[in-house]
Each structure stands twice: as C-alpha cells, then as structure tokens.
C-alpha cells in the first residue's frame, strides 16, 4: 500500500485542496468589491463523506423501477459546487460584497488550511518514525 492510499492522508489532501479552491473564490470576491452588480460567492462546505470517497469512484444511486418512486437528488458535476450567498448589504451600484465579512472568511479559511497542513506533515513524520531502521519495534519484529 502506498502512503498516498492511506485514508487519513487522502482526506487531508482533499481538505487542503478544498481550502485552496475556497481561497481563490474569496480572493475574487475581495478583488471585485468595487465592481457594480457583483455578487459574492462561496463554495459548499466539504463533508467528510465526500472527502473519504476515493476520487474516480462514482457514487451509488438507487434505480427507479416504477414511475411512483421518488427520485434521488441530482449530483453536481463539481465536488466543490459554488453556492450564491445573498449579502445583507448592497451598495447603490448593486454590489453586495462586505469586505469585513470576506476578510473574516479568508482568515478562518487560512487557519483551517494551516491546521490541515500541520496534521498532514505530523502524520508523515509519525510514519517516517515508524519505519526508521533504528526503530526498536521494527528491529525486534525483523529479528535483528
């Protein structure tokens, strides 16, 4: 098994990728703070179920075998679908970007990204410690 196949590391990589995508959207919101009729957007919150599902594996849906059966929800094409957020404030030009709100989202996003990247690097450090040559547990099990 490759290190990249470990579920925890895969989830942390997906989480960091999600935070990078969100940072890009929030930066666009801030950059367009003076653009007339611009509406800020954000991406959907990442769920643990999406993060743990391996990429390239389609989700399973129930088949409708009768017309009276209820259809399941439609799946979005992107794992990070954008959601339009209605702002409470709107300028006379029609722009609804609140810089303070966007900056709070940016700082929270940065904190969460740093936490995920720290967990990723610490997990790699633990794996390196576990497979080191002079590790007494590994040396005992191999008969050295």
Protein backbone atom coordinates (compact mmCIF):
# COMPACT_ATOMS: atom_id res chain seq x y z
CA UNK A 1 0.00 0.00 0.00
CA UNK A 2 1.37 3.39 -0.97
CA UNK A 3 1.46 6.21 1.55
CA UNK A 4 -0.92 8.21 -0.65
CA UNK A 5 -3.52 5.40 -0.33
CA UNK A 6 -3.96 5.94 3.40
CA UNK A 7 -7.47 7.34 4.03
CA UNK A 8 -6.34 9.95 6.55
CA UNK A 9 -3.69 11.41 4.26
CA UNK A 10 -6.07 11.34 1.30
CA UNK A 11 -8.71 13.18 3.30
CA UNK A 12 -6.22 15.81 4.46
CA UNK A 13 -5.03 16.35 0.87
CA UNK A 14 -8.65 16.78 -0.25
CA UNK A 15 -9.28 19.21 2.61
CA UNK A 16 -6.25 21.30 1.66
CA UNK A 17 -7.38 21.30 -1.98
CA UNK A 18 -10.84 22.47 -0.90
CA UNK A 19 -9.31 25.32 1.14
CA UNK A 20 -7.20 26.38 -1.86
CA UNK A 21 -10.30 26.48 -4.07
CA UNK A 22 -12.19 28.48 -1.43
CA UNK A 23 -9.28 30.92 -1.05
CA UNK A 24 -9.44 31.60 -4.78
CA UNK A 25 -13.20 32.30 -4.65
CA UNK A 26 -12.83 34.59 -1.62
CA UNK A 27 -9.97 36.47 -3.30
CA UNK A 28 -12.21 37.05 -6.33
CA UNK A 29 -14.91 38.42 -4.04
CA UNK A 30 -12.47 40.87 -2.45
CA UNK A 31 -10.97 41.86 -5.81
CA UNK A 32 -14.43 42.70 -7.16
CA UNK A 33 -15.52 44.71 -4.12
CA UNK A 34 -15.96 47.83 -6.29
CA UNK A 35 -17.44 46.13 -9.37
CA UNK A 36 -21.05 47.21 -10.00
CA UNK A 37 -23.69 44.46 -9.64
CA UNK A 38 -21.13 41.91 -8.38
CA UNK A 39 -22.50 39.26 -6.02
CA UNK A 40 -20.08 37.39 -3.73
CA UNK A 41 -19.98 33.62 -3.98
CA UNK A 42 -18.63 30.80 -1.86
CA UNK A 43 -18.27 27.05 -2.23
CA UNK A 44 -20.21 24.37 -0.43
CA UNK A 45 -18.84 23.13 2.84
CA UNK A 46 -16.81 19.98 2.42
CA UNK A 47 -18.34 16.92 4.05
CA UNK A 48 -16.38 14.00 5.46
CA UNK A 49 -18.28 11.59 3.21
CA UNK A 50 -17.06 13.32 0.06
CA UNK A 51 -13.52 13.52 1.40
CA UNK A 52 -13.32 9.82 2.28
CA UNK A 53 -14.69 8.65 -1.09
CA UNK A 54 -11.79 7.81 -3.41
CA UNK A 55 -11.58 10.00 -6.49
CA UNK A 56 -12.71 8.33 -9.68
CA UNK A 57 -15.28 6.16 -7.88
CA UNK A 58 -18.82 7.08 -8.77
CA UNK A 59 -21.40 7.23 -6.03
CA UNK A 60 -24.12 4.60 -5.95
CA UNK A 61 -27.69 5.69 -6.54
CA UNK A 62 -30.93 3.75 -6.25
CA UNK A 63 -32.64 2.79 -9.50
CA UNK A 64 -36.22 3.93 -10.09
CA UNK A 65 -38.10 0.82 -11.13
CA UNK A 66 -41.56 2.38 -11.02
CA UNK A 67 -42.87 5.82 -12.01
CA UNK A 68 -44.28 6.36 -8.50
CA UNK A 69 -40.86 6.01 -6.88
CA UNK A 70 -39.19 9.16 -5.58
CA UNK A 71 -36.08 10.26 -7.46
CA UNK A 72 -32.85 10.88 -5.57
CA UNK A 73 -31.06 14.22 -5.53
CA UNK A 74 -29.12 15.25 -8.61
CA UNK A 75 -25.35 15.08 -8.23
CA UNK A 76 -23.32 18.15 -9.07
CA UNK A 77 -20.54 17.86 -11.63
CA UNK A 78 -18.01 19.57 -9.39
CA UNK A 79 -17.11 18.33 -5.91
CA UNK A 80 -16.87 21.99 -4.91
CA UNK A 81 -20.13 23.42 -6.24
CA UNK A 82 -20.50 27.16 -5.79
CA UNK A 83 -23.35 28.49 -3.74
CA UNK A 84 -24.57 32.03 -4.20
CA UNK A 85 -24.80 33.87 -0.94
CA UNK A 86 -27.16 36.81 -0.63
CA UNK A 87 -25.44 39.62 1.19
CA UNK A 88 -27.28 41.74 3.72
CA UNK A 89 -25.76 44.95 2.46
CA UNK A 90 -25.96 46.28 -1.08
CA UNK A 91 -24.30 49.44 -2.35
CA UNK A 92 -26.13 51.85 -4.68
CA UNK A 93 -24.16 50.30 -7.57
CA UNK A 94 -25.68 46.88 -6.73
CA UNK A 95 -22.53 45.35 -5.25
CA UNK A 96 -23.13 43.23 -2.14
CA UNK A 97 -19.53 42.44 -1.12
CA UNK A 98 -18.91 43.24 2.56
CA UNK A 99 -15.13 43.43 2.95
CA UNK A 100 -15.15 42.75 6.69
CA UNK A 101 -17.20 39.59 6.18
CA UNK A 102 -14.95 38.39 3.35
CA UNK A 103 -11.79 39.06 5.37
CA UNK A 104 -13.20 37.04 8.30
CA UNK A 105 -13.86 34.15 5.91
CA UNK A 106 -10.32 34.44 4.49
CA UNK A 107 -8.72 34.34 7.94
CA UNK A 108 -10.86 31.37 9.04
CA UNK A 109 -10.00 29.57 5.79
CA UNK A 110 -6.29 30.27 6.30
CA UNK A 111 -6.42 28.93 9.86
CA UNK A 112 -8.21 25.74 8.77
CA UNK A 113 -5.73 25.21 5.91
CA UNK A 114 -2.79 25.59 8.29
CA UNK A 115 -4.37 23.09 10.67
CA UNK A 116 -4.87 20.53 7.87
CA UNK A 117 -1.34 21.01 6.54
CA UNK A 118 0.12 20.65 10.06
CA UNK A 119 -1.83 17.44 10.60
CA UNK A 120 -0.60 16.16 7.23
CA UNK A 121 3.05 16.90 7.98
CA UNK A 122 2.81 15.45 11.52
CA UNK A 123 1.18 12.28 10.14
CA UNK A 124 4.01 11.89 7.64
CA UNK A 125 6.51 12.42 10.46
CA UNK A 126 4.87 9.66 12.50
CA UNK A 127 5.03 7.30 9.52
CA UNK A 128 8.71 8.10 8.99
CA UNK A 129 9.40 7.44 12.67
CA UNK A 130 7.58 4.12 12.49
CA UNK A 131 9.58 2.83 9.51
CA UNK A 132 13.03 4.08 10.53
CA UNK A 133 15.83 1.46 10.62
CA UNK A 134 16.82 2.07 14.21
CA UNK A 135 13.25 1.74 15.49
CA UNK A 136 13.33 -0.91 18.28
CA UNK A 137 9.89 -2.28 17.39
CA UNK A 138 10.79 -2.82 13.73
CA UNK A 139 14.20 -4.24 14.69
CA UNK A 140 12.59 -6.68 17.17
CA UNK A 141 9.98 -7.90 14.68
CA UNK A 142 12.55 -8.41 11.92
CA UNK A 143 14.86 -10.42 14.25
CA UNK A 144 17.81 -8.01 14.31
